[in-house]
């Protein structure tokens, strides 16, 4: 990456509508750094947290390797012994368009900072608050510029476990059809099992679409929905819980590849809708 790009910081983008306001940080993986609803922050704060896009893969790739036809590609092993959560969260994205309550961001898969991803393409993320400030919709697309390649996309939000002021911890409610059995290496074994009770760091199948409700009793209800069929739920951390809609399961570049082609880009969206309980 050129020195010029390294030294030219991009301003954070602030969007607002009704009771909601959020900040997107293009320089920090195009993550949502803050989401305040009625003045209350709902995302864990910090450079690694908020809500970041997972692209061009989600979760772990076994030993950082995936195959496309006869070619084997190796990604950086950033969660030994695996590669995790894609490269998009570590990059500087370009702000393509902004308005009062929506913004569009892009990055090129050939960006040197995305190396060693081997395929040229473009990733686009649209962030949009509803006019009444009652929901947020995130949309991501992955396009190829030449050859077809496998890819995944999704989001990794860190919702605060507790909103403070003496309130109760969040409750998670969802009804998956199956749970991907997790091996000792944190990868799905390929077996689908009856969903188990938490705590979780697990992938679940929801073939009629992701639908998970987070409830902070007496404070706020937030519903995460998506037409995607997989969701990872992580609630093993004291400070936050994660509900991650994604286009395929962990290690899916190897086990369930979804090809991005010149006529069939990968597109995924999720909507968070909320209502006050106070």
Protein backbone atom coordinates (compact mmCIF):
# COMPACT_ATOMS: atom_id res chain seq x y z
CA UNK A 1 0.00 0.00 0.00
CA UNK A 2 1.32 3.43 -0.84
CA UNK A 3 2.58 5.85 1.78
CA UNK A 4 0.02 8.38 0.60
CA UNK A 5 -2.87 6.09 1.47
CA UNK A 6 -1.29 5.17 4.78
CA UNK A 7 -1.13 8.79 5.92
CA UNK A 8 -4.50 10.00 4.61
CA UNK A 9 -7.07 9.19 7.25
CA UNK A 10 -10.73 8.95 6.29
CA UNK A 11 -13.23 10.61 8.55
CA UNK A 12 -15.71 8.52 10.44
CA UNK A 13 -19.19 8.65 8.94
CA UNK A 14 -22.08 9.52 11.23
CA UNK A 15 -25.67 8.65 10.38
CA UNK A 16 -28.80 9.52 12.35
CA UNK A 17 -32.56 9.08 12.16
CA UNK A 18 -35.21 9.31 14.86
CA UNK A 19 -33.84 7.91 18.13
CA UNK A 20 -30.86 6.18 16.46
CA UNK A 21 -27.37 7.39 15.64
CA UNK A 22 -24.39 5.38 14.48
CA UNK A 23 -20.79 5.82 13.44
CA UNK A 24 -19.03 3.89 10.66
CA UNK A 25 -15.23 3.76 10.65
CA UNK A 26 -13.99 3.20 7.07
CA UNK A 27 -10.34 3.21 8.18
CA UNK A 28 -10.95 0.43 10.70
CA UNK A 29 -12.42 -2.31 8.55
CA UNK A 30 -15.61 -0.37 7.79
CA UNK A 31 -16.97 -1.42 11.15
CA UNK A 32 -19.84 0.24 12.97
CA UNK A 33 -18.00 1.71 15.92
CA UNK A 34 -21.09 2.89 17.75
CA UNK A 35 -24.85 2.42 17.65
CA UNK A 36 -26.86 4.49 20.11
CA UNK A 37 -30.61 4.00 20.45
CA UNK A 38 -32.39 6.62 22.49
CA UNK A 39 -28.99 7.71 23.78
CA UNK A 40 -28.00 4.20 24.93
CA UNK A 41 -24.95 2.50 23.40
CA UNK A 42 -25.65 -1.11 22.39
CA UNK A 43 -22.26 -2.15 20.94
CA UNK A 44 -19.08 -2.93 22.84
CA UNK A 45 -16.58 -0.13 22.34
CA UNK A 46 -12.97 -0.52 21.18
CA UNK A 47 -10.97 -0.85 17.98
CA UNK A 48 -11.62 -4.62 17.73
CA UNK A 49 -15.31 -4.50 18.55
CA UNK A 50 -18.39 -2.64 17.37
CA UNK A 51 -19.71 -4.57 14.35
CA UNK A 52 -17.34 -5.53 11.55
CA UNK A 53 -17.96 -7.13 8.14
CA UNK A 54 -16.60 -10.64 7.67
CA UNK A 55 -15.45 -10.93 4.05
CA UNK A 56 -14.33 -12.67 1.82
CA UNK A 57 -14.87 -15.48 4.34
CA UNK A 58 -16.60 -15.93 7.71
CA UNK A 59 -15.31 -17.67 10.79
CA UNK A 60 -12.36 -20.02 10.47
CA UNK A 61 -10.67 -21.59 7.44
CA UNK A 62 -9.02 -24.86 8.39
CA UNK A 63 -5.26 -24.27 8.66
CA UNK A 64 -5.74 -21.13 6.54
CA UNK A 65 -6.11 -23.14 3.33
CA UNK A 66 -8.90 -23.47 0.79
CA UNK A 67 -9.14 -25.04 -2.63
CA UNK A 68 -10.69 -23.67 -5.80
CA UNK A 69 -10.61 -26.41 -8.42
CA UNK A 70 -7.05 -27.67 -8.59
CA UNK A 71 -5.54 -24.65 -6.84
CA UNK A 72 -4.81 -24.46 -3.13
CA UNK A 73 -4.65 -21.00 -1.58
CA UNK A 74 -3.22 -20.07 1.82
CA UNK A 75 -4.54 -17.23 3.95
CA UNK A 76 -2.75 -15.66 6.94
CA UNK A 77 -3.11 -17.81 10.06
CA UNK A 78 -4.34 -15.12 12.47
CA UNK A 79 -6.09 -17.47 14.94
CA UNK A 80 -3.64 -20.41 15.05
CA UNK A 81 -3.93 -22.93 13.60
CA UNK A 82 -6.62 -21.31 11.43
CA UNK A 83 -7.38 -18.13 9.51
CA UNK A 84 -10.42 -16.26 10.84
CA UNK A 85 -13.03 -13.68 9.80
CA UNK A 86 -11.61 -12.55 6.43
CA UNK A 87 -9.41 -9.61 5.55
CA UNK A 88 -12.03 -6.88 5.18
CA UNK A 89 -12.03 -6.01 8.88
CA UNK A 90 -8.31 -5.11 8.71
CA UNK A 91 -8.49 -2.78 5.72
CA UNK A 92 -9.17 0.84 4.91
CA UNK A 93 -12.38 1.07 2.88
CA UNK A 94 -13.31 3.88 0.51
CA UNK A 95 -16.34 6.03 1.28
CA UNK A 96 -18.28 6.04 -1.99
CA UNK A 97 -21.40 7.95 -0.94
CA UNK A 98 -22.88 9.44 2.22
CA UNK A 99 -26.21 10.96 3.19
CA UNK A 100 -28.01 11.83 6.40
CA UNK A 101 -28.99 8.22 7.16
CA UNK A 102 -27.18 6.01 4.63
CA UNK A 103 -23.68 5.49 3.29
CA UNK A 104 -21.88 3.21 0.82
CA UNK A 105 -18.33 1.88 1.19
CA UNK A 106 -16.10 -0.25 -1.05
CA UNK A 107 -12.74 -1.94 -1.20
CA UNK A 108 -10.90 -3.86 -3.90
CA UNK A 109 -9.89 -7.45 -3.26
CA UNK A 110 -6.66 -6.66 -5.13
CA UNK A 111 -5.73 -4.01 -2.54
CA UNK A 112 -2.19 -4.96 -1.40
CA UNK A 113 -3.43 -4.89 2.19
CA UNK A 114 -5.88 -7.70 1.32
CA UNK A 115 -3.04 -9.98 0.15
CA UNK A 116 -2.70 -12.85 -0.34
CA UNK A 117 -6.36 -13.10 -1.50
CA UNK A 118 -5.77 -14.39 -5.04
CA UNK A 119 -8.83 -13.16 -6.97
CA UNK A 120 -9.64 -9.65 -8.21
CA UNK A 121 -13.02 -8.30 -7.24
CA UNK A 122 -14.84 -5.65 -5.29
CA UNK A 123 -16.69 -5.61 -1.99
CA UNK A 124 -19.45 -3.08 -1.33
CA UNK A 125 -21.24 -2.37 1.95
CA UNK A 126 -24.39 -0.28 2.29
CA UNK A 127 -25.32 0.99 5.76
CA UNK A 128 -28.85 2.39 6.03
CA UNK A 129 -31.00 3.60 8.91
CA UNK A 130 -34.76 3.54 8.42
CA UNK A 131 -36.39 6.93 8.12
CA UNK A 132 -38.06 6.58 11.52
CA UNK A 133 -34.84 5.39 13.19
CA UNK A 134 -36.43 2.09 14.11
CA UNK A 135 -34.09 -0.22 12.23
CA UNK A 136 -30.71 -0.59 10.57
CA UNK A 137 -30.11 -2.56 7.36
CA UNK A 138 -26.64 -3.69 6.32
CA UNK A 139 -26.09 -5.02 2.81
CA UNK A 140 -22.89 -6.44 1.39
CA UNK A 141 -21.97 -7.57 -2.12
CA UNK A 142 -18.92 -9.40 -3.48
CA UNK A 143 -18.26 -9.13 -7.22
CA UNK A 144 -15.60 -10.75 -9.38
CA UNK A 145 -13.75 -8.80 -12.06
CA UNK A 146 -12.47 -11.88 -13.89
CA UNK A 147 -12.58 -15.52 -12.78
CA UNK A 148 -15.10 -17.18 -10.51
CA UNK A 149 -14.06 -17.80 -6.91
CA UNK A 150 -15.57 -19.04 -3.63
CA UNK A 151 -16.42 -16.41 -1.02
CA UNK A 152 -18.49 -15.72 2.05
CA UNK A 153 -19.81 -12.59 3.71
CA UNK A 154 -21.47 -11.72 7.00
CA UNK A 155 -21.27 -9.51 10.07
CA UNK A 156 -19.77 -9.85 13.53
CA UNK A 157 -21.53 -7.51 15.97
CA UNK A 158 -20.48 -7.28 19.61
CA UNK A 159 -23.67 -6.43 21.49
CA UNK A 160 -23.21 -5.31 25.08
CA UNK A 161 -24.29 -7.99 27.51
CA UNK A 162 -25.55 -5.32 29.90
CA UNK A 163 -26.70 -1.80 29.03
CA UNK A 164 -25.80 -0.46 32.47
CA UNK A 165 -27.83 1.54 34.99
CA UNK A 166 -28.44 -1.58 37.04
CA UNK A 167 -30.34 -3.41 34.32
CA UNK A 168 -30.43 -7.16 33.71
CA UNK A 169 -28.21 -8.98 31.23
CA UNK A 170 -29.40 -9.61 27.70
CA UNK A 171 -31.48 -12.68 26.86
CA UNK A 172 -31.07 -14.46 23.50
CA UNK A 173 -34.06 -16.14 21.87
CA UNK A 174 -34.00 -18.10 18.60
CA UNK A 175 -35.23 -21.40 17.18
CA UNK A 176 -32.66 -22.95 14.82
CA UNK A 177 -33.42 -26.18 12.97
CA UNK A 178 -29.97 -27.58 13.69
CA UNK A 179 -26.60 -26.90 15.22
CA UNK A 180 -23.37 -27.57 13.36
CA UNK A 181 -21.48 -29.99 15.59
CA UNK A 182 -18.24 -28.30 16.65
CA UNK A 183 -15.03 -30.28 16.84
CA UNK A 184 -12.17 -29.74 19.27
CA UNK A 185 -10.54 -27.61 16.57
CA UNK A 186 -13.55 -25.20 16.64
CA UNK A 187 -14.56 -26.24 13.10
CA UNK A 188 -17.85 -27.92 12.14
CA UNK A 189 -17.44 -31.68 11.88
CA UNK A 190 -20.03 -31.94 9.10
CA UNK A 191 -22.68 -33.43 11.40
CA UNK A 192 -25.89 -31.55 12.13
CA UNK A 193 -27.16 -32.08 15.67
CA UNK A 194 -30.12 -31.04 17.79
CA UNK A 195 -29.44 -27.52 19.11
CA UNK A 196 -27.91 -27.50 22.58
CA UNK A 197 -28.27 -24.90 25.30
CA UNK A 198 -25.50 -22.34 25.74
CA UNK A 199 -22.99 -21.03 26.38
CA UNK A 200 -22.21 -21.02 22.67
CA UNK A 201 -19.48 -20.41 20.18
CA UNK A 202 -21.44 -22.29 17.55
CA UNK A 203 -23.02 -22.13 14.11
CA UNK A 204 -26.73 -22.82 13.67
CA UNK A 205 -28.87 -23.50 10.63
CA UNK A 206 -32.00 -21.43 10.02
CA UNK A 207 -33.06 -22.34 6.47
CA UNK A 208 -36.09 -20.04 6.56
CA UNK A 209 -33.82 -17.13 7.43
CA UNK A 210 -31.93 -15.91 10.47
CA UNK A 211 -34.24 -14.59 13.19
CA UNK A 212 -32.73 -13.91 16.63
CA UNK A 213 -34.17 -11.64 19.33
CA UNK A 214 -32.01 -9.95 21.96
CA UNK A 215 -33.89 -8.62 24.98
CA UNK A 216 -32.49 -6.40 27.70
CA UNK A 217 -35.39 -6.69 30.18
CA UNK A 218 -37.14 -3.41 30.80
CA UNK A 219 -34.78 -1.59 28.42
CA UNK A 220 -34.69 -2.69 24.81
CA UNK A 221 -35.63 -5.46 22.38
CA UNK A 222 -33.49 -5.86 19.25
CA UNK A 223 -34.25 -8.39 16.51
CA UNK A 224 -31.60 -9.57 14.05
CA UNK A 225 -33.04 -10.96 10.80
CA UNK A 226 -31.55 -12.01 7.48
CA UNK A 227 -32.40 -14.16 4.49
CA UNK A 228 -29.08 -15.90 5.13
CA UNK A 229 -29.40 -19.45 6.45
CA UNK A 230 -26.55 -19.54 8.96
CA UNK A 231 -25.88 -17.67 12.17
CA UNK A 232 -23.03 -17.98 14.65
CA UNK A 233 -23.92 -17.16 18.25
CA UNK A 234 -21.11 -16.43 20.69
CA UNK A 235 -21.91 -15.67 24.32
CA UNK A 236 -18.83 -16.94 26.17
CA UNK A 237 -17.49 -13.44 26.90
CA UNK A 238 -18.53 -11.51 29.99
CA UNK A 239 -18.76 -8.12 28.30
CA UNK A 240 -20.67 -8.89 25.09
CA UNK A 241 -22.62 -11.37 23.00
CA UNK A 242 -22.40 -11.87 19.23
CA UNK A 243 -25.12 -12.79 16.74
CA UNK A 244 -23.47 -13.23 13.33
CA UNK A 245 -25.60 -13.81 10.21
CA UNK A 246 -23.44 -15.18 7.42
CA UNK A 247 -23.73 -16.69 3.95
CA UNK A 248 -22.23 -20.05 4.93
CA UNK A 249 -20.86 -22.02 7.87
CA UNK A 250 -17.33 -21.72 9.28
CA UNK A 251 -14.79 -23.36 6.95
CA UNK A 252 -17.41 -23.07 4.23
CA UNK A 253 -14.85 -22.16 1.55
CA UNK A 254 -13.81 -25.80 1.85
CA UNK A 255 -17.02 -27.59 2.80
CA UNK A 256 -19.80 -25.61 1.12
CA UNK A 257 -18.25 -23.22 -1.41
CA UNK A 258 -20.48 -20.54 -2.87
CA UNK A 259 -18.99 -19.37 -6.17
CA UNK A 260 -18.99 -15.71 -7.09
CA UNK A 261 -19.26 -15.50 -10.89
CA UNK A 262 -19.38 -12.61 -13.36
CA UNK A 263 -23.16 -13.03 -13.64
CA UNK A 264 -23.89 -14.10 -10.06
CA UNK A 265 -22.33 -11.90 -7.36
CA UNK A 266 -22.66 -12.79 -3.69
CA UNK A 267 -25.20 -10.60 -1.93
CA UNK A 268 -26.29 -10.68 1.69
CA UNK A 269 -28.19 -8.35 3.99
CA UNK A 270 -29.30 -8.18 7.59
CA UNK A 271 -31.75 -5.92 9.39
CA UNK A 272 -31.68 -5.02 13.06
CA UNK A 273 -35.00 -3.66 14.29
CA UNK A 274 -35.67 -2.46 17.81
CA UNK A 275 -38.24 -1.16 20.23
CA UNK A 276 -37.93 0.41 23.64
CA UNK A 277 -39.23 -1.56 26.62
CA UNK A 278 -38.94 1.29 29.11
